[in-house]
C-alpha cells in the first residue's frame, strides 16, 4: 500500500466508496420497545430492525433477576396490566397456528426466540433473530398490525418443546413494539 498525503490508497478508496455502498444497502422498517417489570419499573429496551430475511432484535436489559430467560413476541401490543403479569398481551404471535417451540416438529410459532442470560448484576445484552415475522407483514407474521404486538420476558428459560410456552413460567417484563420514526 502506498501512502499519499498521510492516507493509504486503500483507506482513500474506502472513504470514496462508502457513500455509494450505503446508497445500495438494505434499510427496512425499524421499531423499538421499552421493558417494564411487574412493579411498572423500567428494566430495558429492544431495537428491532427488519432485514430482507427476518427481524433482528437487539436487547438490552438492566434490572431483572439473574439467570436464563425466555422471550417471545406476543400477539397484542399492550403491557398495561403489569400487576396481573401482562396477560393482556395475549398468547404468542401465531397466525399460522403452529405449535410452540424451536425444537418442536410441528413448530415453531412466529413468536418463538432462543433464550438469553441475565448476569448476576441484572444486566443482559443479546441479539435475537426471527425469520418468521416482519414489522410490516412483507413476510411471515405481521408485528405492527391493528392491535400491535409486545415482547414478553419470562422468569425461566424456554425448553423449546413444551406447550404452550416451553415451561418458561411467569411473565416478568413486557415491552410494546412501536414503529421507529
Protein backbone atom coordinates (compact mmCIF):
# COMPACT_ATOMS: atom_id res chain seq x y z
CA UNK A 1 0.00 0.00 0.00
CA UNK A 2 1.34 3.39 -0.96
CA UNK A 3 0.82 6.44 1.20
CA UNK A 4 -0.43 9.62 -0.36
CA UNK A 5 -0.71 12.72 1.87
CA UNK A 6 -0.96 10.60 5.04
CA UNK A 7 -3.69 8.28 3.69
CA UNK A 8 -3.14 4.89 2.29
CA UNK A 9 -4.62 4.37 -1.16
CA UNK A 10 -6.83 1.63 0.32
CA UNK A 11 -8.23 3.92 3.02
CA UNK A 12 -8.90 6.67 0.47
CA UNK A 13 -10.74 4.20 -1.78
CA UNK A 14 -12.88 3.08 1.16
CA UNK A 15 -13.81 6.67 2.01
CA UNK A 16 -14.85 7.35 -1.59
CA UNK A 17 -16.81 4.07 -1.94
CA UNK A 18 -18.65 4.21 1.41
CA UNK A 19 -21.44 6.63 0.36
CA UNK A 20 -22.12 4.63 -2.80
CA UNK A 21 -22.30 1.34 -0.87
CA UNK A 22 -24.62 2.82 1.75
CA UNK A 23 -26.88 4.07 -1.03
CA UNK A 24 -27.42 0.49 -2.25
CA UNK A 25 -27.67 -1.15 1.20
CA UNK A 26 -30.96 -2.52 2.53
CA UNK A 27 -32.71 -0.28 5.02
CA UNK A 28 -36.00 -1.77 6.16
CA UNK A 29 -38.52 -0.76 8.80
CA UNK A 30 -37.39 -0.38 12.40
CA UNK A 31 -39.11 -0.39 15.79
CA UNK A 32 -38.28 -0.01 19.46
CA UNK A 33 -39.74 -1.32 22.70
CA UNK A 34 -39.22 -0.32 26.35
CA UNK A 35 -39.48 -3.05 29.01
CA UNK A 36 -41.20 -2.66 32.37
CA UNK A 37 -41.34 -5.25 35.14
CA UNK A 38 -44.39 -6.31 37.19
CA UNK A 39 -43.87 -3.29 39.51
CA UNK A 40 -44.02 -0.94 36.49
CA UNK A 41 -40.30 -0.09 36.69
CA UNK A 42 -38.20 0.37 33.55
CA UNK A 43 -35.84 -2.58 33.04
CA UNK A 44 -34.55 -2.29 29.50
CA UNK A 45 -35.23 -1.84 25.84
CA UNK A 46 -35.14 -3.53 22.47
CA UNK A 47 -34.44 -2.24 18.99
CA UNK A 48 -35.93 -4.20 16.10
CA UNK A 49 -34.59 -3.98 12.55
CA UNK A 50 -36.34 -5.66 9.65
CA UNK A 51 -33.98 -7.09 7.07
CA UNK A 52 -34.62 -8.98 3.85
CA UNK A 53 -34.72 -12.38 5.62
CA UNK A 54 -36.06 -11.66 9.12
CA UNK A 55 -36.01 -9.34 12.10
CA UNK A 56 -33.01 -8.68 14.31
CA UNK A 57 -33.88 -7.78 17.90
CA UNK A 58 -31.11 -6.10 19.91
CA UNK A 59 -31.98 -6.48 23.57
CA UNK A 60 -30.51 -4.50 26.49
CA UNK A 61 -31.80 -5.39 29.96
CA UNK A 62 -30.82 -3.91 33.31
CA UNK A 63 -32.74 -4.91 36.41
CA UNK A 64 -34.10 -8.45 36.09
CA UNK A 65 -33.31 -11.42 38.34
CA UNK A 66 -30.21 -13.33 37.18
CA UNK A 67 -30.49 -16.49 35.12
CA UNK A 68 -31.67 -17.89 31.81
CA UNK A 69 -34.80 -16.23 30.42
CA UNK A 70 -37.26 -16.90 27.62
CA UNK A 71 -38.52 -14.10 25.40
CA UNK A 72 -41.39 -14.24 22.92
CA UNK A 73 -43.37 -11.95 20.63
CA UNK A 74 -46.94 -11.79 21.98
CA UNK A 75 -49.93 -11.03 19.78
CA UNK A 76 -51.26 -7.84 21.38
CA UNK A 77 -49.43 -4.55 21.84
CA UNK A 78 -50.28 -3.88 25.47
CA UNK A 79 -48.37 -4.11 28.73
CA UNK A 80 -50.75 -2.07 30.87
CA UNK A 81 -51.66 -4.91 33.24
CA UNK A 82 -48.20 -5.23 34.83
CA UNK A 83 -49.65 -6.07 38.25
CA UNK A 84 -51.54 -9.04 36.72
CA UNK A 85 -48.48 -10.36 34.88
CA UNK A 86 -49.00 -8.89 31.42
CA UNK A 87 -51.78 -11.33 30.49
CA UNK A 88 -53.43 -8.72 28.24
CA UNK A 89 -50.57 -9.14 25.76
CA UNK A 90 -52.24 -12.43 24.76
CA UNK A 91 -50.51 -15.55 23.51
CA UNK A 92 -47.63 -15.78 21.08
CA UNK A 93 -47.77 -14.16 17.67
CA UNK A 94 -49.00 -17.22 15.77
CA UNK A 95 -51.30 -16.57 12.78
CA UNK A 96 -50.39 -19.95 11.22
CA UNK A 97 -51.50 -21.85 14.36
CA UNK A 98 -48.15 -23.64 14.73
CA UNK A 99 -47.10 -25.45 17.89
CA UNK A 100 -44.75 -23.64 20.25
CA UNK A 101 -41.06 -24.44 20.24
CA UNK A 102 -37.97 -24.10 18.08
CA UNK A 103 -37.33 -27.85 18.54
CA UNK A 104 -40.94 -28.92 18.09
CA UNK A 105 -41.55 -30.86 14.82
CA UNK A 106 -44.90 -29.01 14.47
CA UNK A 107 -43.40 -25.61 15.30
CA UNK A 108 -42.13 -23.07 15.80
CA UNK A 109 -44.71 -20.33 16.09
CA UNK A 110 -43.87 -16.83 14.83
CA UNK A 111 -43.22 -15.53 18.36
CA UNK A 112 -40.50 -18.01 19.34
CA UNK A 113 -36.90 -16.98 20.04
CA UNK A 114 -33.84 -18.57 21.61
CA UNK A 115 -33.21 -17.90 25.32
CA UNK A 116 -30.87 -15.26 26.73
CA UNK A 117 -28.99 -14.88 30.02
CA UNK A 118 -29.23 -12.17 32.70
CA UNK A 119 -25.95 -11.82 34.62
CA UNK A 120 -25.64 -11.59 38.42
CA UNK A 121 -25.72 -7.78 38.24
CA UNK A 122 -29.09 -7.84 36.42
CA UNK A 123 -27.61 -6.90 33.03
CA UNK A 124 -28.13 -8.69 29.73
CA UNK A 125 -27.36 -7.86 26.11
CA UNK A 126 -28.39 -10.13 23.24
CA UNK A 127 -29.16 -10.18 19.54
CA UNK A 128 -32.03 -12.45 18.56
CA UNK A 129 -33.11 -13.31 15.00
CA UNK A 130 -36.52 -14.41 13.77
CA UNK A 131 -37.31 -15.20 10.13
CA UNK A 132 -40.99 -15.99 10.79
CA UNK A 133 -42.13 -12.41 11.48
CA UNK A 134 -41.74 -8.94 9.97
CA UNK A 135 -42.67 -5.49 11.18
CA UNK A 136 -44.64 -4.59 8.05
CA UNK A 137 -46.03 -8.01 7.08
CA UNK A 138 -43.95 -8.33 3.91
CA UNK A 139 -43.09 -11.89 5.04
CA UNK A 140 -44.21 -14.07 7.93
CA UNK A 141 -46.47 -12.77 10.69
CA UNK A 142 -47.09 -9.03 10.78
CA UNK A 143 -45.92 -7.49 14.07
CA UNK A 144 -47.26 -3.95 13.57
CA UNK A 145 -50.85 -4.89 12.73
CA UNK A 146 -54.04 -3.25 14.05
CA UNK A 147 -53.61 -4.44 17.64
CA UNK A 148 -49.81 -4.39 17.65
CA UNK A 149 -47.52 -6.82 19.48
CA UNK A 150 -45.34 -6.97 22.57
CA UNK A 151 -42.08 -8.59 23.61
CA UNK A 152 -42.55 -10.56 26.82
CA UNK A 153 -39.75 -11.91 29.02
CA UNK A 154 -40.47 -14.96 31.21
CA UNK A 155 -38.88 -15.89 34.55
CA UNK A 156 -37.33 -19.15 33.25
CA UNK A 157 -35.79 -20.45 30.03
CA UNK A 158 -37.89 -21.99 27.26
CA UNK A 159 -37.39 -25.74 26.70
CA UNK A 160 -38.44 -25.18 23.04
CA UNK A 161 -40.90 -28.09 23.01
CA UNK A 162 -43.50 -28.00 25.86
CA UNK A 163 -46.88 -26.41 25.21
CA UNK A 164 -47.89 -23.64 25.30
CA UNK A 165 -44.77 -21.66 26.39
CA UNK A 166 -41.96 -24.15 26.85
CA UNK A 167 -42.19 -24.21 30.65
CA UNK A 168 -40.95 -20.61 30.75
CA UNK A 169 -43.08 -19.62 33.75
CA UNK A 170 -44.44 -16.24 34.74
CA UNK A 171 -44.18 -13.12 32.61
CA UNK A 172 -41.70 -10.80 34.36
CA UNK A 173 -41.22 -7.98 31.83
CA UNK A 174 -43.13 -6.62 28.85
CA UNK A 175 -42.50 -4.06 26.10
CA UNK A 176 -44.93 -2.76 23.47
CA UNK A 177 -43.35 -2.77 20.00
CA UNK A 178 -43.65 0.72 18.43
CA UNK A 179 -42.58 1.82 14.94
CA UNK A 180 -39.37 3.85 14.89
CA UNK A 181 -39.79 7.16 13.11
